[in-house]
Amino acid sequence: MKEEVSKLAKALKQRFVAHPWHGITIGENQPNMINAFIEIIPSDTIKYEVDKDSGYIMVDRPQKFSNNMPCLYGFVPQTYCDKHVAEYCNTKTGRTEIVGDNDPLDICVLSEREVNRGNIIAECVPIGGFRMIDGGEADDKIIAVLKDDQVYGNMTSIEEVPTKVLDRVKHFFLTYKDLDGASKNVEITHVYGADEAKEVIKRSYVDYQENFGDADQLLTEALTAVLKEKV
């Protein structure tokens, strides 16, 4: 039975594309090296976002201003911002009312190279992040560098990133909702280093596990149950 389940699971993975959020792994060496699923690139004038149910890239909305996303942007697979991420945010800010935003953990990936498409997986190294709070919800933005990038690839600390680069990314997140007035509820309380970024990643992974479980294990259990019914 175990061998049959393993073969069937392998066949399904070879036949069907994995869901970007659930089917792609966070990375074997997380939180030191992680996968990022890139939804938006700097040249995009449309805000693209993964549809949580289907896994397809959908149009969220046209960008309202000329200041496009200044870096590769997406989320960390198999992460979720819930009570553990919110608890850490409350601890670091001295607040008590912050909750998780119930979304995958957002990530900004810095690279010197011009990437001409989204809907890709990028292996990257987290070096810091922005503690962003949006409407009372923890909405951390992890800052990472693309693995082996010729300019950013050897950076291990957010302090190594040019201030003007970080300012550009920060400015985008603080202003991109200005047209509808929502940015008034957005704040970045801290710019933190690699250790805190890795703690946020670990906590978001725990939040994911507690809310969704392990995708491979769930598939194995489902296939086992189906095969048992046929015996």
Protein backbone atom coordinates (compact mmCIF):
# COMPACT_ATOMS: atom_id res chain seq x y z
CA MET A 1 0.00 0.00 0.00
CA LYS A 2 2.75 2.47 0.97
CA GLU A 3 4.62 1.87 -2.29
CA GLU A 4 1.45 2.29 -4.34
CA VAL A 5 0.63 5.57 -2.60
CA SER A 6 4.17 6.85 -3.20
CA LYS A 7 4.02 5.99 -6.91
CA LEU A 8 0.60 7.59 -7.33
CA ALA A 9 1.68 10.76 -5.50
CA LYS A 10 4.77 11.01 -7.70
CA ALA A 11 2.67 10.53 -10.85
CA LEU A 12 0.29 13.31 -9.80
CA LYS A 13 3.18 15.70 -9.17
CA GLN A 14 4.63 14.94 -12.59
CA ARG A 15 1.29 15.45 -14.30
CA PHE A 16 0.01 18.61 -12.61
CA VAL A 17 1.55 22.00 -11.85
CA ALA A 18 1.98 22.71 -8.13
CA HIS A 19 -0.06 25.44 -6.46
CA PRO A 20 2.35 28.38 -5.91
CA TRP A 21 1.33 28.82 -2.27
CA HIS A 22 0.85 25.24 -1.12
CA GLY A 23 2.71 23.05 -3.59
CA ILE A 24 6.05 24.90 -3.78
CA THR A 25 8.27 24.38 -0.75
CA ILE A 26 9.52 27.18 1.46
CA GLY A 27 13.05 25.82 0.89
CA GLU A 28 15.08 23.01 2.44
CA ASN A 29 17.44 25.44 4.19
CA GLN A 30 14.85 27.90 5.47
CA PRO A 31 15.02 30.43 6.99
CA ASN A 32 18.60 31.02 5.78
CA MET A 33 17.75 30.34 2.13
CA ILE A 34 14.14 30.47 0.94
CA ASN A 35 12.03 30.32 -2.17
CA ALA A 36 10.09 33.37 -3.29
CA PHE A 37 7.23 33.17 -5.75
CA ILE A 38 7.44 36.36 -7.81
CA GLU A 39 4.12 37.94 -8.76
CA ILE A 40 5.26 41.43 -9.81
CA ILE A 41 8.37 42.82 -11.52
CA PRO A 42 9.44 46.49 -11.65
CA SER A 43 8.15 47.06 -15.20
CA ASP A 44 4.61 45.91 -14.38
CA THR A 45 1.92 48.58 -14.54
CA ILE A 46 -0.63 46.05 -13.27
CA LYS A 47 -0.68 44.64 -9.74
CA TYR A 48 -0.77 40.89 -10.23
CA GLU A 49 -1.61 38.49 -7.43
CA VAL A 50 -1.98 34.74 -7.09
CA ASP A 51 -5.58 33.64 -6.78
CA LYS A 52 -5.57 31.71 -3.50
CA ASP A 53 -8.06 29.09 -4.66
CA SER A 54 -6.81 28.23 -8.15
CA GLY A 55 -3.14 29.23 -7.97
CA TYR A 56 -3.39 31.20 -11.21
CA ILE A 57 -2.02 34.72 -11.53
CA MET A 58 -4.88 37.21 -11.56
CA VAL A 59 -5.17 40.95 -12.18
CA ASP A 60 -5.70 42.65 -8.84
CA ARG A 61 -5.78 46.21 -10.16
CA PRO A 62 -3.91 48.65 -12.42
CA GLN A 63 -1.15 50.55 -10.63
CA LYS A 64 -2.61 53.92 -9.71
CA PHE A 65 0.58 55.96 -9.95
CA SER A 66 3.76 56.04 -11.99
CA ASN A 67 5.91 54.73 -9.10
CA ASN A 68 5.93 51.04 -9.97
CA MET A 69 7.20 48.29 -7.69
CA PRO A 70 10.95 48.99 -7.37
CA CYS A 71 12.00 45.33 -6.96
CA LEU A 72 10.89 41.77 -7.54
CA TYR A 73 7.88 41.19 -5.32
CA GLY A 74 5.86 38.19 -4.26
CA PHE A 75 5.43 35.85 -1.32
CA VAL A 76 7.15 33.01 0.49
CA PRO A 77 5.41 29.68 -0.24
CA GLN A 78 4.03 27.67 2.69
CA THR A 79 3.85 30.71 4.96
CA TYR A 80 0.88 32.43 6.58
CA CYS A 81 0.66 35.50 8.76
CA ASP A 82 -1.55 34.65 11.70
CA LYS A 83 -1.22 34.57 15.49
CA HIS A 84 2.51 33.78 15.77
CA VAL A 85 3.53 36.56 13.37
CA ALA A 86 1.09 38.96 15.07
CA GLU A 87 2.44 38.05 18.51
CA TYR A 88 5.98 38.89 17.39
CA CYS A 89 4.82 42.20 15.91
CA ASN A 90 3.05 43.10 19.16
CA THR A 91 6.14 42.23 21.18
CA LYS A 92 8.44 44.32 19.01
CA THR A 93 6.13 47.34 18.85
CA GLY A 94 4.86 47.24 22.44
CA ARG A 95 1.29 46.93 21.22
CA THR A 96 -1.41 44.38 21.96
CA GLU A 97 -4.04 44.83 19.26
CA ILE A 98 -2.14 43.79 16.10
CA VAL A 99 -3.47 40.71 14.30
CA GLY A 100 -2.18 38.74 11.33
CA ASP A 101 -3.32 39.70 7.83
CA ASN A 102 -4.16 36.08 6.94
CA ASP A 103 -2.01 36.13 3.81
CA PRO A 104 1.28 34.51 2.80
CA LEU A 105 4.41 36.37 3.94
CA ASP A 106 5.35 39.13 1.47
CA ILE A 107 8.89 39.37 0.15
CA CYS A 108 10.94 41.89 -1.84
CA VAL A 109 13.88 40.41 -3.75
CA LEU A 110 16.74 42.70 -4.76
CA SER A 111 18.67 41.97 -7.95
CA GLU A 112 20.91 43.90 -10.30
CA ARG A 113 19.53 41.94 -13.24
CA GLU A 114 16.45 42.96 -15.19
CA VAL A 115 13.89 40.18 -14.84
CA ASN A 116 11.31 40.40 -17.63
CA ARG A 117 8.57 38.14 -16.28
CA GLY A 118 6.75 37.21 -13.11
CA ASN A 119 5.12 33.89 -12.19
CA ILE A 120 8.55 32.46 -11.37
CA ILE A 121 10.37 30.96 -8.38
CA ALA A 122 13.45 32.81 -7.11
CA GLU A 123 15.82 31.31 -4.56
CA CYS A 124 16.98 34.08 -2.25
CA VAL A 125 18.64 35.00 1.04
CA PRO A 126 16.68 37.06 3.61
CA ILE A 127 18.74 39.97 4.96
CA GLY A 128 16.12 42.04 6.79
CA GLY A 129 12.65 43.48 6.51
CA PHE A 130 10.12 46.22 7.13
CA ARG A 131 7.76 45.86 10.08
CA MET A 132 4.74 47.17 8.27
CA ILE A 133 1.31 47.48 9.86
CA ASP A 134 -1.64 47.95 7.53
CA GLY A 135 -4.97 48.78 9.14
CA GLY A 136 -4.01 47.10 12.41
CA GLU A 137 -2.68 43.96 10.69
CA ALA A 138 0.90 42.68 10.67
CA ASP A 139 2.04 42.95 7.04
CA ASP A 140 5.81 42.37 7.18
CA LYS A 141 7.84 42.83 4.03
CA ILE A 142 10.90 40.58 4.02
CA ILE A 143 13.90 42.05 2.17
CA ALA A 144 16.00 39.41 0.43
CA VAL A 145 18.75 39.23 -2.18
CA LEU A 146 18.64 36.99 -5.23
CA LYS A 147 20.97 34.02 -4.84
CA ASP A 148 24.26 34.52 -6.72
CA ASP A 149 23.30 38.01 -7.89
CA GLN A 150 26.48 39.81 -8.99
CA VAL A 151 25.71 43.01 -7.05
CA TYR A 152 23.46 41.99 -4.16
CA GLY A 153 24.18 38.26 -3.89
CA ASN A 154 26.93 38.45 -1.27
CA MET A 155 25.03 40.77 1.07
CA THR A 156 24.05 39.23 4.41
CA SER A 157 22.83 42.36 6.22
CA ILE A 158 20.25 44.99 5.32
CA GLU A 159 22.83 47.58 6.37
CA GLU A 160 24.82 46.68 3.24
CA VAL A 161 21.97 47.77 0.96
CA PRO A 162 22.29 51.38 -0.28
CA THR A 163 20.00 53.68 1.69
CA LYS A 164 18.44 55.09 -1.47
CA VAL A 165 17.43 51.60 -2.60
CA LEU A 166 15.68 50.89 0.70
CA ASP A 167 14.08 54.33 0.72
CA ARG A 168 12.62 53.69 -2.72
CA VAL A 169 11.07 50.40 -1.61
CA LYS A 170 9.79 51.93 1.61
CA HIS A 171 8.29 54.91 -0.23
CA PHE A 172 6.36 52.61 -2.53
CA PHE A 173 4.66 50.74 0.30
CA LEU A 174 3.84 53.92 2.19
CA THR A 175 2.24 55.64 -0.82
CA TYR A 176 0.83 53.07 -3.24
CA LYS A 177 -2.66 53.29 -1.70
CA ASP A 178 -2.76 57.09 -1.53
CA LEU A 179 -5.46 57.53 -4.17
CA ASP A 180 -8.14 55.87 -2.03
CA GLY A 181 -6.77 57.24 1.25
CA ALA A 182 -5.88 53.80 2.57
CA SER A 183 -2.19 54.62 2.99
CA LYS A 184 -3.09 56.74 6.01
CA ASN A 185 -3.54 53.41 7.83
CA VAL A 186 -0.17 52.07 6.67
CA GLU A 187 2.98 52.51 8.75
CA ILE A 188 6.46 51.04 8.86
CA THR A 189 7.53 50.99 12.50
CA HIS A 190 10.94 49.36 12.09
CA VAL A 191 13.53 48.38 9.55
CA TYR A 192 14.99 45.19 10.99
CA GLY A 193 17.93 42.91 10.28
CA ALA A 194 18.42 39.32 9.18
CA ASP A 195 17.82 37.72 12.58
CA GLU A 196 14.38 39.29 12.96
CA ALA A 197 13.53 38.52 9.34
CA LYS A 198 14.33 34.86 9.90
CA GLU A 199 12.22 34.82 13.06
CA VAL A 200 9.26 36.23 11.11
CA ILE A 201 9.79 33.57 8.43
CA LYS A 202 9.91 30.77 11.00
CA ARG A 203 6.78 32.02 12.71
CA SER A 204 4.91 32.38 9.41
CA TYR A 205 5.84 28.79 8.57
CA VAL A 206 4.45 27.62 11.92
CA ASP A 207 1.28 29.63 11.27
CA TYR A 208 0.97 27.92 7.90
CA GLN A 209 1.47 24.44 9.33
CA GLU A 210 -1.15 25.04 12.01
CA ASN A 211 -3.70 26.38 9.53
CA PHE A 212 -3.10 24.21 6.46
CA GLY A 213 -0.89 21.27 7.46
CA ASP A 214 1.72 19.64 5.23
CA ALA A 215 0.64 19.41 1.57
CA ASP A 216 2.58 16.21 0.85
CA GLN A 217 1.27 14.53 3.97
CA LEU A 218 -2.30 15.55 3.17
CA LEU A 219 -1.94 14.16 -0.35
CA THR A 220 -0.54 10.89 0.99
CA GLU A 221 -3.38 10.55 3.49
CA ALA A 222 -6.00 11.25 0.82
CA LEU A 223 -4.53 8.72 -1.61
CA THR A 224 -4.23 6.12 1.14
CA ALA A 225 -7.89 6.58 2.04
CA VAL A 226 -8.95 6.22 -1.63
CA LEU A 227 -6.92 3.05 -2.16
CA LYS A 228 -8.24 1.50 1.04
CA GLU A 229 -11.80 2.03 -0.18
CA LYS A 230 -11.00 0.13 -3.36
CA VAL A 231 -9.49 -2.85 -1.57
